[in-house]
Amino acid sequence: MDNYFDEPILITRPLFPTKQNMARKISEVWDSKWLTNNGTQHQELEKQLKDYLNVDQLSLFSNGTLALLLGLKAFNLTGEVITTPFTFPATVQALDWNGLTPVFCDINPQTLTIDATKIEALITENTSAILAVHVFGNPCDVEEIQAIADRHQLKVIYDGAHVFGAKLNGQPISNYGDMTMFSFHATKLFNTIEGGALAFKDEAIARKLDLLKNFGLANPEEVVLSGINAKMNEVQAAMGLEVLKLVDEERGKRHNLKKTYERHLAHLPGIRVLTTLVNDSSSYQYFVIEIDEKMYGKSRDWLHDELKKYNVFTRKYFYPLCSDFEWYKHLESAQGEKLPQAQKSVGQVLAMPFYGELGVESVMKICGIIEELHVNHNRLSNVI
């Protein structure tokens, strides 16, 4: 195989500061003798992220799942929450841990975000919020979702794990809705090894979140509510401060990779790029394509497996649908016939390797493999 890669090509690779810069930061932590509980690294990262994301209110957490879980908790939600089946399990697991029932809404065929035109029909007297997901960096129909929420007095929470630094209509994406969760997992554009944050508008929520993520402690001798331990520690924050310095350069590299992918895949039938946003509008978190089996000649699953033979590892992201989890099968909204677009898309989507160190030449090589597989299959089919 001429196009075989000697080293595995994975979906992503974390941004790492230099050892020297990270060692300097760790030395600061050691010198401070302060490892957690809102230390100087934590305070500085929170300040810098507020500036970078252009938000007024931001709270840091040990991971994005706990951030979302406690964000939902802070709003005292009850009953049902309308959400998408096409997301990472953490989105709906945060609902589970709050005792909330997900009501699954089908997705938009272009963006794969929640289909805003189908939300209102799912609202009942038990609905308390809409939990939408900006999928692969594609923004939800935020204006229509907000209009629906306003008509029915619902909270709007966004899972923004894929939209760090993205803008919509020239505004920070977290300006929309009541709250946006960001993930700082190692796989994300910006990482704190593990970590996450909530951006929100209501200043009163800040105090409640501080309590919720620190056991409900108002002071060492007073517990005012039932909380949990979800604090970001000083080592995580130190990592984040160094990684944040690298984000803009990484976004530029990924922009070039995206353009290379698009240029070399454009002529192949049956392949549609799902992540279309560029520049400030894009988070450059993922590069994702959709495979139309009839047009390409082979299925998404076939291409996923064939690429492995060349040492190229893609991801069927998100697969399976959250609505297919065993514990949701009894829900009316989880039935396959209620979610035709989600059922279709989950079998077509493929996340490609996408990180700055990958380089343009490697992307060209990957595209060459995809084209070669398509041509060879068609040639074989014609012979048969």
Protein backbone atom coordinates (compact mmCIF):
# COMPACT_ATOMS: atom_id res chain seq x y z
CA MET A 1 0.00 0.00 0.00
CA ASP A 2 1.75 3.14 -1.20
CA ASN A 3 -0.53 5.35 0.91
CA TYR A 4 -0.05 3.39 4.14
CA PHE A 5 0.95 5.50 7.17
CA ASP A 6 3.77 4.10 9.31
CA GLU A 7 2.35 5.70 12.44
CA PRO A 8 -1.35 5.62 13.38
CA ILE A 9 -3.25 8.72 12.26
CA LEU A 10 -5.87 9.40 14.93
CA ILE A 11 -8.88 11.70 15.03
CA THR A 12 -7.14 14.36 17.07
CA ARG A 13 -4.10 15.08 19.17
CA PRO A 14 -4.10 17.29 22.28
CA LEU A 15 -2.37 20.64 22.25
CA PHE A 16 0.71 20.36 24.47
CA PRO A 17 2.73 23.28 25.81
CA THR A 18 6.48 22.83 25.71
CA LYS A 19 7.93 20.87 28.62
CA GLN A 20 9.84 23.96 29.68
CA ASN A 21 6.76 26.19 29.80
CA MET A 22 4.70 23.60 31.61
CA ALA A 23 7.51 22.96 34.09
CA ARG A 24 7.59 26.67 34.85
CA LYS A 25 3.86 26.66 35.50
CA ILE A 26 4.07 23.57 37.70
CA SER A 27 6.84 25.28 39.66
CA GLU A 28 4.45 28.16 40.33
CA VAL A 29 1.91 25.71 41.70
CA TRP A 30 4.55 23.98 43.87
CA ASP A 31 5.83 27.30 45.18
CA SER A 32 2.31 28.40 46.08
CA LYS A 33 1.65 25.20 48.08
CA TRP A 34 -1.93 25.48 46.77
CA LEU A 35 -3.36 22.63 44.68
CA THR A 36 -7.10 23.29 44.56
CA ASN A 37 -9.97 25.42 45.92
CA ASN A 38 -9.79 28.53 43.74
CA GLY A 39 -6.06 29.13 43.73
CA THR A 40 -4.16 31.72 41.71
CA GLN A 41 -3.93 29.56 38.56
CA HIS A 42 -7.69 28.94 38.66
CA GLN A 43 -8.43 32.64 39.14
CA GLU A 44 -6.11 33.65 36.30
CA LEU A 45 -7.52 31.08 33.87
CA GLU A 46 -11.07 32.16 34.65
CA LYS A 47 -10.11 35.77 33.98
CA GLN A 48 -8.33 34.98 30.70
CA LEU A 49 -11.17 32.77 29.45
CA LYS A 50 -13.70 35.49 30.17
CA ASP A 51 -11.64 37.80 27.98
CA TYR A 52 -11.01 35.23 25.25
CA LEU A 53 -14.63 34.11 25.04
CA ASN A 54 -15.96 37.62 25.67
CA VAL A 55 -18.35 36.56 28.41
CA ASP A 56 -19.32 38.33 31.64
CA GLN A 57 -19.98 35.27 33.78
CA LEU A 58 -17.93 32.08 33.66
CA SER A 59 -17.40 29.25 36.12
CA LEU A 60 -14.72 26.54 35.82
CA PHE A 61 -15.23 22.84 36.56
CA SER A 62 -13.19 19.66 36.75
CA ASN A 63 -14.89 18.38 33.59
CA GLY A 64 -17.60 19.35 31.13
CA THR A 65 -20.04 16.66 32.23
CA LEU A 66 -20.14 17.93 35.79
CA ALA A 67 -20.38 21.48 34.49
CA LEU A 68 -23.51 20.62 32.51
CA LEU A 69 -24.95 18.51 35.31
CA LEU A 70 -24.61 21.32 37.83
CA GLY A 71 -25.69 23.97 35.35
CA LEU A 72 -28.98 22.15 34.94
CA LYS A 73 -29.19 21.75 38.70
CA ALA A 74 -28.72 25.47 39.24
CA PHE A 75 -31.93 26.22 37.35
CA ASN A 76 -34.02 23.89 39.54
CA LEU A 77 -35.43 22.17 36.46
CA THR A 78 -38.10 19.51 36.78
CA GLY A 79 -40.01 17.13 34.55
CA GLU A 80 -39.08 16.97 30.87
CA VAL A 81 -36.31 18.58 28.84
CA ILE A 82 -36.42 18.59 25.04
CA THR A 83 -33.08 17.55 23.58
CA THR A 84 -31.39 15.81 20.67
CA PRO A 85 -30.65 12.10 20.24
CA PHE A 86 -27.58 12.96 18.13
CA THR A 87 -25.03 13.88 20.77
CA PHE A 88 -22.38 12.44 23.07
CA PRO A 89 -23.85 10.40 25.98
CA ALA A 90 -22.79 13.03 28.54
CA THR A 91 -25.50 15.41 27.33
CA VAL A 92 -28.37 13.13 28.28
CA GLN A 93 -26.53 11.62 31.23
CA ALA A 94 -26.54 15.08 32.81
CA LEU A 95 -30.33 14.98 32.52
CA ASP A 96 -30.45 11.53 34.11
CA TRP A 97 -28.43 12.63 37.12
CA ASN A 98 -30.86 15.53 37.62
CA GLY A 99 -33.88 13.25 37.53
CA LEU A 100 -35.04 14.86 34.28
CA THR A 101 -36.72 13.00 31.43
CA PRO A 102 -35.32 13.62 27.95
CA VAL A 103 -37.79 14.21 25.16
CA PHE A 104 -35.95 13.48 21.94
CA CYS A 105 -36.44 15.78 18.96
CA ASP A 106 -35.28 14.92 15.44
CA ILE A 107 -32.38 16.77 13.83
CA ASN A 108 -31.85 19.20 10.98
CA PRO A 109 -30.51 17.35 7.89
CA GLN A 110 -28.05 20.14 7.02
CA THR A 111 -26.46 20.92 10.38
CA LEU A 112 -27.42 17.78 12.36
CA THR A 113 -28.40 20.05 15.26
CA ILE A 114 -31.83 19.83 16.87
CA ASP A 115 -34.58 20.64 14.36
CA ALA A 116 -36.12 23.82 15.77
CA THR A 117 -39.22 23.40 13.61
CA LYS A 118 -40.08 20.20 15.51
CA ILE A 119 -39.53 21.43 19.08
CA GLU A 120 -42.83 23.16 19.78
CA ALA A 121 -44.93 20.08 19.05
CA LEU A 122 -43.06 18.23 21.82
CA ILE A 123 -43.74 20.80 24.57
CA THR A 124 -46.10 19.70 27.35
CA GLU A 125 -47.08 21.06 30.75
CA ASN A 126 -44.11 19.08 32.12
CA THR A 127 -41.48 20.72 29.91
CA SER A 128 -39.03 22.95 31.78
CA ALA A 129 -36.17 23.51 29.32
CA ILE A 130 -34.57 22.93 25.94
CA LEU A 131 -31.11 21.37 25.97
CA ALA A 132 -29.64 21.81 22.49
CA VAL A 133 -26.21 20.87 21.12
CA HIS A 134 -24.02 22.81 18.70
CA VAL A 135 -22.98 19.73 16.71
CA PHE A 136 -19.40 19.54 15.34
CA GLY A 137 -19.32 23.34 15.66
CA ASN A 138 -22.49 23.81 13.60
CA PRO A 139 -24.66 26.24 15.57
CA CYS A 140 -28.26 25.52 16.42
CA ASP A 141 -31.07 27.72 15.11
CA VAL A 142 -30.65 29.88 18.19
CA GLU A 143 -33.14 32.58 17.27
CA GLU A 144 -36.02 30.18 16.63
CA ILE A 145 -35.17 28.17 19.74
CA GLN A 146 -35.19 31.34 21.84
CA ALA A 147 -38.50 32.46 20.34
CA ILE A 148 -40.05 29.10 21.27
CA ALA A 149 -38.58 29.25 24.77
CA ASP A 150 -39.90 32.77 25.30
CA ARG A 151 -43.42 31.75 24.23
CA HIS A 152 -43.44 28.88 26.71
CA GLN A 153 -41.28 30.30 29.53
CA LEU A 154 -38.56 27.67 29.13
CA LYS A 155 -34.87 27.78 29.95
CA VAL A 156 -32.41 27.27 27.08
CA ILE A 157 -29.14 25.48 27.81
CA TYR A 158 -26.57 24.76 25.10
CA ASP A 159 -24.04 21.96 25.09
CA GLY A 160 -21.18 23.88 23.50
CA ALA A 161 -18.51 21.19 23.81
CA HIS A 162 -17.67 21.69 20.12
CA VAL A 163 -17.81 25.49 19.82
CA PHE A 164 -14.98 26.91 21.91
CA GLY A 165 -14.15 30.36 20.54
CA ALA A 166 -16.83 30.27 17.82
CA LYS A 167 -18.99 33.25 16.93
CA LEU A 168 -22.46 33.55 15.45
CA ASN A 169 -23.65 36.71 13.73
CA GLY A 170 -20.46 38.34 14.99
CA GLN A 171 -21.34 37.56 18.61
CA PRO A 172 -19.79 35.00 20.97
CA ILE A 173 -21.88 31.87 20.65
CA SER A 174 -22.42 31.78 24.41
CA ASN A 175 -24.43 35.01 24.14
CA TYR A 176 -27.37 32.84 23.12
CA GLY A 177 -29.56 31.00 25.58
CA ASP A 178 -29.40 31.08 29.37
CA MET A 179 -26.24 29.02 29.66
CA THR A 180 -23.57 27.34 27.53
CA MET A 181 -21.31 24.50 28.62
CA PHE A 182 -17.79 24.24 27.21
CA SER A 183 -15.69 21.08 27.42
CA PHE A 184 -11.93 21.28 28.00
CA HIS A 185 -11.30 17.56 27.57
CA ALA A 186 -7.95 16.56 26.04
CA THR A 187 -9.64 15.91 22.69
CA LYS A 188 -10.91 19.48 22.42
CA LEU A 189 -9.28 22.44 20.64
CA PHE A 190 -8.61 24.01 24.04
CA ASN A 191 -7.89 21.61 26.87
CA THR A 192 -7.07 21.59 30.55
CA ILE A 193 -6.39 17.82 30.39
CA GLU A 194 -9.90 17.32 31.75
CA GLY A 195 -12.11 20.29 32.47
CA GLY A 196 -15.05 22.40 31.51
CA ALA A 197 -16.84 25.68 32.07
CA LEU A 198 -20.25 27.30 32.12
CA ALA A 199 -20.90 30.68 30.54
CA PHE A 200 -24.11 32.36 31.65
CA LYS A 201 -25.82 35.72 32.06
CA ASP A 202 -27.47 35.69 35.48
CA GLU A 203 -24.95 36.88 38.06
CA ALA A 204 -26.98 35.23 40.82
CA ILE A 205 -26.23 31.84 39.29
CA ALA A 206 -22.50 32.33 39.93
CA ARG A 207 -22.85 32.06 43.70
CA LYS A 208 -25.07 28.99 43.40
CA LEU A 209 -22.60 27.25 41.09
CA ASP A 210 -19.76 28.01 43.51
CA LEU A 211 -21.76 26.23 46.21
CA LEU A 212 -22.85 23.32 44.04
CA LYS A 213 -19.31 22.46 42.91
CA ASN A 214 -17.87 22.68 46.43
CA PHE A 215 -20.11 20.43 48.55
CA GLY A 216 -22.59 23.25 49.25
CA LEU A 217 -20.14 24.87 51.66
CA ALA A 218 -20.89 28.52 52.41
CA ASN A 219 -17.96 28.49 54.85
CA PRO A 220 -16.01 25.77 56.69
CA GLU A 221 -18.82 25.35 59.23
CA GLU A 222 -21.96 25.90 57.14
CA VAL A 223 -23.44 23.68 54.43
CA VAL A 224 -26.35 25.46 52.74
CA LEU A 225 -27.28 23.03 49.97
CA SER A 226 -26.50 19.55 48.67
CA GLY A 227 -23.48 19.91 46.42
CA ILE A 228 -20.72 17.81 44.94
CA ASN A 229 -16.99 18.10 44.29
CA ALA A 230 -16.53 19.46 40.76
CA LYS A 231 -13.75 22.00 41.20
CA MET A 232 -10.96 22.50 38.68
CA ASN A 233 -7.57 22.03 40.34
CA GLU A 234 -4.46 24.17 39.98
CA VAL A 235 -2.57 21.77 37.71
CA GLN A 236 -5.49 21.67 35.27
CA ALA A 237 -5.72 25.45 35.32
CA ALA A 238 -1.97 25.82 34.82
CA MET A 239 -2.18 23.55 31.77
CA GLY A 240 -5.05 25.64 30.45
CA LEU A 241 -3.14 28.89 30.79
CA GLU A 242 -0.33 27.50 28.65
CA VAL A 243 -2.61 25.81 26.10
CA LEU A 244 -4.65 29.00 25.63
CA LYS A 245 -1.51 30.65 24.22
CA LEU A 246 -1.47 28.02 21.43
CA VAL A 247 -5.13 28.07 20.39
CA ASP A 248 -5.07 30.81 17.75
CA GLU A 249 -2.09 29.29 15.94
CA GLU A 250 -3.78 25.87 16.04
CA ARG A 251 -6.99 27.33 14.61
CA GLY A 252 -4.96 28.71 11.70
CA LYS A 253 -3.38 25.33 11.01
CA ARG A 254 -6.75 23.61 11.11
CA HIS A 255 -8.17 26.20 8.75
CA ASN A 256 -5.56 25.15 6.19
CA LEU A 257 -6.28 21.47 6.75
CA LYS A 258 -9.99 22.07 6.31
CA LYS A 259 -9.44 23.82 3.00
CA THR A 260 -7.17 20.97 1.86
CA TYR A 261 -9.77 18.35 2.72
CA GLU A 262 -12.49 20.31 0.93
CA ARG A 263 -10.40 20.89 -2.18
CA HIS A 264 -9.44 17.24 -2.57
CA LEU A 265 -12.81 15.71 -1.71
CA ALA A 266 -14.97 18.13 -3.69
CA HIS A 267 -15.04 16.04 -6.87
CA LEU A 268 -15.89 12.75 -5.17
CA PRO A 269 -19.56 11.79 -5.44
CA GLY A 270 -21.44 10.98 -2.25
CA ILE A 271 -19.24 12.97 0.14
CA ARG A 272 -20.63 16.08 1.82
CA VAL A 273 -18.70 18.24 4.25
CA LEU A 274 -20.79 18.90 7.36
CA THR A 275 -18.44 21.38 9.05
CA THR A 276 -18.69 24.36 6.71
CA LEU A 277 -18.04 27.39 8.93
CA VAL A 278 -14.74 29.26 8.67
CA ASN A 279 -12.74 31.99 10.42
CA ASP A 280 -14.33 33.48 13.55
CA SER A 281 -17.55 31.58 12.96
CA SER A 282 -15.83 28.21 13.26
CA SER A 283 -14.40 26.46 16.29
CA TYR A 284 -12.29 24.18 14.02
CA GLN A 285 -12.99 21.43 16.53
CA TYR A 286 -13.72 18.68 14.00
CA PHE A 287 -13.76 18.04 10.27
CA VAL A 288 -16.73 15.80 9.56
CA ILE A 289 -18.08 14.34 6.34
CA GLU A 290 -21.26 12.52 5.38
CA ILE A 291 -21.13 9.43 3.16
CA ASP A 292 -24.05 8.79 0.79
CA GLU A 293 -23.72 5.08 0.10
CA LYS A 294 -25.63 5.15 -3.18
CA MET A 295 -23.46 7.91 -4.63
CA TYR A 296 -20.08 6.97 -3.14
CA GLY A 297 -20.60 3.29 -3.85
CA LYS A 298 -19.85 2.02 -0.37
CA SER A 299 -21.16 2.69 3.13
CA ARG A 300 -19.73 4.86 5.88
CA ASP A 301 -18.95 1.75 7.91
CA TRP A 302 -17.05 0.21 4.98
CA LEU A 303 -14.93 3.34 4.51
CA HIS A 304 -14.29 3.55 8.25
CA ASP A 305 -13.00 -0.03 8.29
CA GLU A 306 -11.00 0.26 5.05
CA LEU A 307 -9.16 3.37 6.25
CA LYS A 308 -7.92 1.41 9.26
CA LYS A 309 -5.99 -0.82 6.86
CA TYR A 310 -3.98 2.29 5.89
CA ASN A 311 -3.43 3.16 9.59
CA VAL A 312 -5.99 6.00 9.38
CA PHE A 313 -8.48 6.03 12.24
CA THR A 314 -11.76 7.87 11.80
CA ARG A 315 -14.77 7.94 14.11
CA LYS A 316 -18.45 7.18 13.65
CA TYR A 317 -19.39 10.23 15.66
CA PHE A 318 -22.03 10.20 17.23
CA TYR A 319 -22.82 6.51 17.23
CA PRO A 320 -25.07 5.07 18.54
CA LEU A 321 -27.94 7.51 19.02
CA CYS A 322 -28.65 8.34 22.65
CA SER A 323 -32.30 7.47 22.02
CA ASP A 324 -31.18 3.89 21.34
CA PHE A 325 -29.81 3.41 24.87
CA GLU A 326 -31.59 0.57 26.63
CA TRP A 327 -32.96 2.76 29.43
CA TYR A 328 -34.73 5.08 26.96
CA LYS A 329 -36.42 2.49 24.79
CA HIS A 330 -39.69 2.88 26.68
CA LEU A 331 -39.94 6.58 25.80
CA GLU A 332 -42.31 7.49 23.00
CA SER A 333 -39.90 10.15 21.72
CA ALA A 334 -37.09 7.55 21.47
CA GLN A 335 -38.87 5.40 18.92
CA GLY A 336 -37.04 5.20 15.59
CA GLU A 337 -40.02 6.31 13.50
CA LYS A 338 -40.11 9.55 15.49
CA LEU A 339 -36.48 10.32 14.58
CA PRO A 340 -36.07 9.50 10.87
CA GLN A 341 -33.32 12.02 10.12
CA ALA A 342 -31.28 11.09 13.18
CA GLN A 343 -31.61 7.41 12.29
CA LYS A 344 -30.33 8.18 8.80
CA SER A 345 -27.49 10.51 9.75
CA VAL A 346 -26.05 8.27 12.46
CA GLY A 347 -25.18 5.78 9.73
CA GLN A 348 -23.53 8.31 7.42
CA VAL A 349 -21.32 10.59 9.50
CA LEU A 350 -17.54 10.19 9.73
CA ALA A 351 -15.14 12.40 11.69
CA MET A 352 -11.76 12.67 9.96
CA PRO A 353 -8.28 13.17 11.47
CA PHE A 354 -8.03 16.88 12.23
CA TYR A 355 -5.24 18.53 14.21
CA GLY A 356 -2.51 20.99 13.34
CA GLU A 357 0.43 18.57 13.60
CA LEU A 358 -1.21 16.35 10.99
CA GLY A 359 -0.07 18.67 8.22
CA VAL A 360 -1.38 19.38 4.73
CA GLU A 361 0.57 16.56 3.06
CA SER A 362 -0.98 13.94 5.33
CA VAL A 363 -4.46 15.29 4.62
CA MET A 364 -3.77 15.07 0.89
CA LYS A 365 -2.63 11.49 1.38
CA ILE A 366 -5.82 10.61 3.30
CA CYS A 367 -7.94 12.16 0.56
CA GLY A 368 -5.98 10.15 -2.00
CA ILE A 369 -6.83 6.95 -0.14
CA ILE A 370 -10.52 7.82 -0.08
CA GLU A 371 -10.47 8.54 -3.81
CA GLU A 372 -8.51 5.38 -4.58
CA LEU A 373 -10.97 3.26 -2.59
CA HIS A 374 -13.87 4.80 -4.50
CA VAL A 375 -12.23 4.32 -7.91
CA ASN A 376 -11.13 0.74 -7.19
CA HIS A 377 -14.59 -0.20 -5.99
CA ASN A 378 -16.26 1.27 -9.08
CA ARG A 379 -13.73 -0.46 -11.36
CA LEU A 380 -14.40 -3.80 -9.66
CA SER A 381 -18.15 -3.25 -9.85
CA ASN A 382 -17.95 -2.53 -13.58
CA VAL A 383 -15.93 -5.70 -14.19
CA ILE A 384 -18.42 -7.80 -12.27
